[in-house]
Amino acid sequence: MAPDDLVLFDRNNHKSNHHGALIQAGATPVYLEAARNPFGFIRWD
């Protein structure tokens, strides 16, 4: 990653991924919405 790169980023990641990779590189995250089932759990299919 380079400064000002756009990176597709799932919101269901550990914060270390966000802070360690994106912020230090200067990249800009584009957050994706996680698909959830009727119970609020993230779908795996």
PDB file of N, CA and C in Angstrom:
ATOM      1  N   MET A   1       0.831  -1.163   0.000  1.00  0.00           N
ATOM      2  CA  MET A   1       0.000   0.000   0.000  1.00  0.00           C
ATOM      3  C   MET A   1       0.882   1.235   0.000  1.00  0.00           C
ATOM      4  N   ALA A   2       0.338   2.266  -0.610  1.00  0.00           N
ATOM      5  CA  ALA A   2       1.036   3.547  -0.680  1.00  0.00           C
ATOM      6  C   ALA A   2       0.095   4.639  -0.179  1.00  0.00           C
ATOM      7  N   PRO A   3       0.620   5.790   0.186  1.00  0.00           N
ATOM      8  CA  PRO A   3      -0.253   6.880   0.622  1.00  0.00           C
ATOM      9  C   PRO A   3      -1.321   7.188  -0.425  1.00  0.00           C
ATOM     10  N   ASP A   4      -2.518   7.420   0.057  1.00  0.00           N
ATOM     11  CA  ASP A   4      -3.693   7.758  -0.754  1.00  0.00           C
ATOM     12  C   ASP A   4      -4.238   6.600  -1.578  1.00  0.00           C
ATOM     13  N   ASP A   5      -3.759   5.365  -1.374  1.00  0.00           N
ATOM     14  CA  ASP A   5      -4.378   4.205  -2.014  1.00  0.00           C
ATOM     15  C   ASP A   5      -5.741   3.966  -1.383  1.00  0.00           C
ATOM     16  N   LEU A   6      -6.699   3.509  -2.170  1.00  0.00           N
ATOM     17  CA  LEU A   6      -7.992   3.080  -1.650  1.00  0.00           C
ATOM     18  C   LEU A   6      -7.925   1.575  -1.440  1.00  0.00           C
ATOM     19  N   VAL A   7      -8.343   1.123  -0.258  1.00  0.00           N
ATOM     20  CA  VAL A   7      -8.262  -0.292   0.092  1.00  0.00           C
ATOM     21  C   VAL A   7      -9.643  -0.763   0.512  1.00  0.00           C
ATOM     22  N   LEU A   8     -10.147  -1.835  -0.123  1.00  0.00           N
ATOM     23  CA  LEU A   8     -11.409  -2.435   0.294  1.00  0.00           C
ATOM     24  C   LEU A   8     -11.167  -3.130   1.623  1.00  0.00           C
ATOM     25  N   PHE A   9     -12.005  -2.817   2.600  1.00  0.00           N
ATOM     26  CA  PHE A   9     -11.739  -3.249   3.964  1.00  0.00           C
ATOM     27  C   PHE A   9     -13.033  -3.693   4.613  1.00  0.00           C
ATOM     28  N   ASP A  10     -13.064  -4.915   5.098  1.00  0.00           N
ATOM     29  CA  ASP A  10     -14.237  -5.445   5.778  1.00  0.00           C
ATOM     30  C   ASP A  10     -14.295  -4.890   7.199  1.00  0.00           C
ATOM     31  N   ARG A  11     -15.463  -4.485   7.645  1.00  0.00           N
ATOM     32  CA  ARG A  11     -15.598  -3.952   9.006  1.00  0.00           C
ATOM     33  C   ARG A  11     -15.397  -5.034  10.068  1.00  0.00           C
ATOM     34  N   ASN A  12     -15.441  -6.289   9.651  1.00  0.00           N
ATOM     35  CA  ASN A  12     -15.302  -7.396  10.592  1.00  0.00           C
ATOM     36  C   ASN A  12     -13.834  -7.803  10.748  1.00  0.00           C
ATOM     37  N   ASN A  13     -12.940  -6.853  10.819  1.00  0.00           N
ATOM     38  CA  ASN A  13     -11.515  -7.100  11.016  1.00  0.00           C
ATOM     39  C   ASN A  13     -11.090  -6.612  12.389  1.00  0.00           C
ATOM     40  N   HIS A  14     -10.007  -7.183  12.870  1.00  0.00           N
ATOM     41  CA  HIS A  14      -9.447  -6.724  14.136  1.00  0.00           C
ATOM     42  C   HIS A  14      -8.876  -5.321  13.949  1.00  0.00           C
ATOM     43  N   LYS A  15      -8.943  -4.513  14.978  1.00  0.00           N
ATOM     44  CA  LYS A  15      -8.491  -3.125  14.850  1.00  0.00           C
ATOM     45  C   LYS A  15      -7.009  -3.009  14.515  1.00  0.00           C
ATOM     46  N   SER A  16      -6.219  -4.043  14.820  1.00  0.00           N
ATOM     47  CA  SER A  16      -4.798  -3.984  14.478  1.00  0.00           C
ATOM     48  C   SER A  16      -4.598  -3.962  12.966  1.00  0.00           C
ATOM     49  N   ASN A  17      -5.498  -4.584  12.220  1.00  0.00           N
ATOM     50  CA  ASN A  17      -5.410  -4.519  10.758  1.00  0.00           C
ATOM     51  C   ASN A  17      -5.591  -3.088  10.289  1.00  0.00           C
ATOM     52  N   HIS A  18      -6.540  -2.418  10.895  1.00  0.00           N
ATOM     53  CA  HIS A  18      -6.818  -1.036  10.505  1.00  0.00           C
ATOM     54  C   HIS A  18      -5.667  -0.120  10.905  1.00  0.00           C
ATOM     55  N   HIS A  19      -5.291  -0.165  12.164  1.00  0.00           N
ATOM     56  CA  HIS A  19      -4.251   0.741  12.656  1.00  0.00           C
ATOM     57  C   HIS A  19      -2.872   0.374  12.119  1.00  0.00           C
ATOM     58  N   GLY A  20      -2.575  -0.907  12.114  1.00  0.00           N
ATOM     59  CA  GLY A  20      -1.241  -1.333  11.724  1.00  0.00           C
ATOM     60  C   GLY A  20      -0.963  -1.203  10.244  1.00  0.00           C
ATOM     61  N   ALA A  21      -1.931  -1.520   9.426  1.00  0.00           N
ATOM     62  CA  ALA A  21      -1.679  -1.537   7.985  1.00  0.00           C
ATOM     63  C   ALA A  21      -2.125  -0.254   7.306  1.00  0.00           C
ATOM     64  N   LEU A  22      -3.369   0.110   7.496  1.00  0.00           N
ATOM     65  CA  LEU A  22      -3.921   1.226   6.724  1.00  0.00           C
ATOM     66  C   LEU A  22      -3.395   2.581   7.168  1.00  0.00           C
ATOM     67  N   ILE A  23      -3.436   2.846   8.453  1.00  0.00           N
ATOM     68  CA  ILE A  23      -3.059   4.178   8.932  1.00  0.00           C
ATOM     69  C   ILE A  23      -1.560   4.413   8.756  1.00  0.00           C
ATOM     70  N   GLN A  24      -0.750   3.421   9.077  1.00  0.00           N
ATOM     71  CA  GLN A  24       0.694   3.600   8.932  1.00  0.00           C
ATOM     72  C   GLN A  24       1.104   3.786   7.478  1.00  0.00           C
ATOM     73  N   ALA A  25       0.387   3.133   6.562  1.00  0.00           N
ATOM     74  CA  ALA A  25       0.716   3.265   5.138  1.00  0.00           C
ATOM     75  C   ALA A  25       0.143   4.545   4.551  1.00  0.00           C
ATOM     76  N   GLY A  26      -0.825   5.138   5.233  1.00  0.00           N
ATOM     77  CA  GLY A  26      -1.453   6.347   4.716  1.00  0.00           C
ATOM     78  C   GLY A  26      -2.539   6.060   3.709  1.00  0.00           C
ATOM     79  N   ALA A  27      -2.982   4.796   3.647  1.00  0.00           N
ATOM     80  CA  ALA A  27      -4.033   4.416   2.710  1.00  0.00           C
ATOM     81  C   ALA A  27      -5.399   4.808   3.268  1.00  0.00           C
ATOM     82  N   THR A  28      -6.386   4.856   2.395  1.00  0.00           N
ATOM     83  CA  THR A  28      -7.744   5.220   2.777  1.00  0.00           C
ATOM     84  C   THR A  28      -8.635   3.987   2.682  1.00  0.00           C
ATOM     85  N   PRO A  29      -9.280   3.577   3.796  1.00  0.00           N
ATOM     86  CA  PRO A  29     -10.144   2.399   3.735  1.00  0.00           C
ATOM     87  C   PRO A  29     -11.488   2.725   3.095  1.00  0.00           C
ATOM     88  N   VAL A  30     -11.986   1.784   2.319  1.00  0.00           N
ATOM     89  CA  VAL A  30     -13.349   1.822   1.801  1.00  0.00           C
ATOM     90  C   VAL A  30     -14.035   0.640   2.471  1.00  0.00           C
ATOM     91  N   TYR A  31     -14.897   0.932   3.436  1.00  0.00           N
ATOM     92  CA  TYR A  31     -15.481  -0.125   4.255  1.00  0.00           C
ATOM     93  C   TYR A  31     -16.607  -0.837   3.523  1.00  0.00           C
ATOM     94  N   LEU A  32     -16.619  -2.167   3.646  1.00  0.00           N
ATOM     95  CA  LEU A  32     -17.656  -3.007   3.069  1.00  0.00           C
ATOM     96  C   LEU A  32     -18.629  -3.398   4.172  1.00  0.00           C
ATOM     97  N   GLU A  33     -19.883  -3.470   3.831  1.00  0.00           N
ATOM     98  CA  GLU A  33     -20.884  -3.919   4.792  1.00  0.00           C
ATOM     99  C   GLU A  33     -20.875  -5.439   4.847  1.00  0.00           C
ATOM    100  N   ALA A  34     -20.932  -5.998   6.030  1.00  0.00           N
ATOM    101  CA  ALA A  34     -21.005  -7.444   6.200  1.00  0.00           C
ATOM    102  C   ALA A  34     -22.459  -7.883   6.070  1.00  0.00           C
ATOM    103  N   ALA A  35     -22.682  -8.966   5.345  1.00  0.00           N
ATOM    104  CA  ALA A  35     -24.030  -9.517   5.221  1.00  0.00           C
ATOM    105  C   ALA A  35     -24.373 -10.234   6.517  1.00  0.00           C
ATOM    106  N   ARG A  36     -25.533  -9.953   7.056  1.00  0.00           N
ATOM    107  CA  ARG A  36     -25.938 -10.567   8.319  1.00  0.00           C
ATOM    108  C   ARG A  36     -27.235 -11.343   8.135  1.00  0.00           C
ATOM    109  N   ASN A  37     -27.379 -12.409   8.915  1.00  0.00           N
ATOM    110  CA  ASN A  37     -28.603 -13.197   8.865  1.00  0.00           C
ATOM    111  C   ASN A  37     -29.648 -12.553   9.774  1.00  0.00           C
ATOM    112  N   PRO A  38     -30.876 -13.092   9.828  1.00  0.00           N
ATOM    113  CA  PRO A  38     -31.930 -12.473  10.645  1.00  0.00           C
ATOM    114  C   PRO A  38     -31.608 -12.388  12.141  1.00  0.00           C
ATOM    115  N   PHE A  39     -30.643 -13.180  12.613  1.00  0.00           N
ATOM    116  CA  PHE A  39     -30.273 -13.160  14.026  1.00  0.00           C
ATOM    117  C   PHE A  39     -29.151 -12.168  14.318  1.00  0.00           C
ATOM    118  N   GLY A  40     -28.635 -11.508  13.296  1.00  0.00           N
ATOM    119  CA  GLY A  40     -27.577 -10.532  13.477  1.00  0.00           C
ATOM    120  C   GLY A  40     -26.174 -11.085  13.340  1.00  0.00           C
ATOM    121  N   PHE A  41     -26.069 -12.383  13.048  1.00  0.00           N
ATOM    122  CA  PHE A  41     -24.752 -12.995  12.866  1.00  0.00           C
ATOM    123  C   PHE A  41     -24.271 -12.777  11.438  1.00  0.00           C
ATOM    124  N   ILE A  42     -22.975 -12.724  11.261  1.00  0.00           N
ATOM    125  CA  ILE A  42     -22.405 -12.557   9.926  1.00  0.00           C
ATOM    126  C   ILE A  42     -22.557 -13.863   9.164  1.00  0.00           C
ATOM    127  N   ARG A  43     -23.080 -13.756   7.934  1.00  0.00           N
ATOM    128  CA  ARG A  43     -23.278 -14.941   7.097  1.00  0.00           C
ATOM    129  C   ARG A  43     -21.945 -15.410   6.536  1.00  0.00           C
ATOM    130  N   TRP A  44     -21.748 -16.711   6.483  1.00  0.00           N
ATOM    131  CA  TRP A  44     -20.504 -17.284   5.963  1.00  0.00           C
ATOM    132  C   TRP A  44     -20.683 -17.875   4.577  1.00  0.00           C
ATOM    133  N   ASP A  45     -21.873 -17.881   4.034  1.00  0.00           N
ATOM    134  CA  ASP A  45     -22.090 -18.484   2.707  1.00  0.00           C
ATOM    135  C   ASP A  45     -21.939 -17.500   1.591  1.00  0.00           C
TER     136      ASP A  45
END
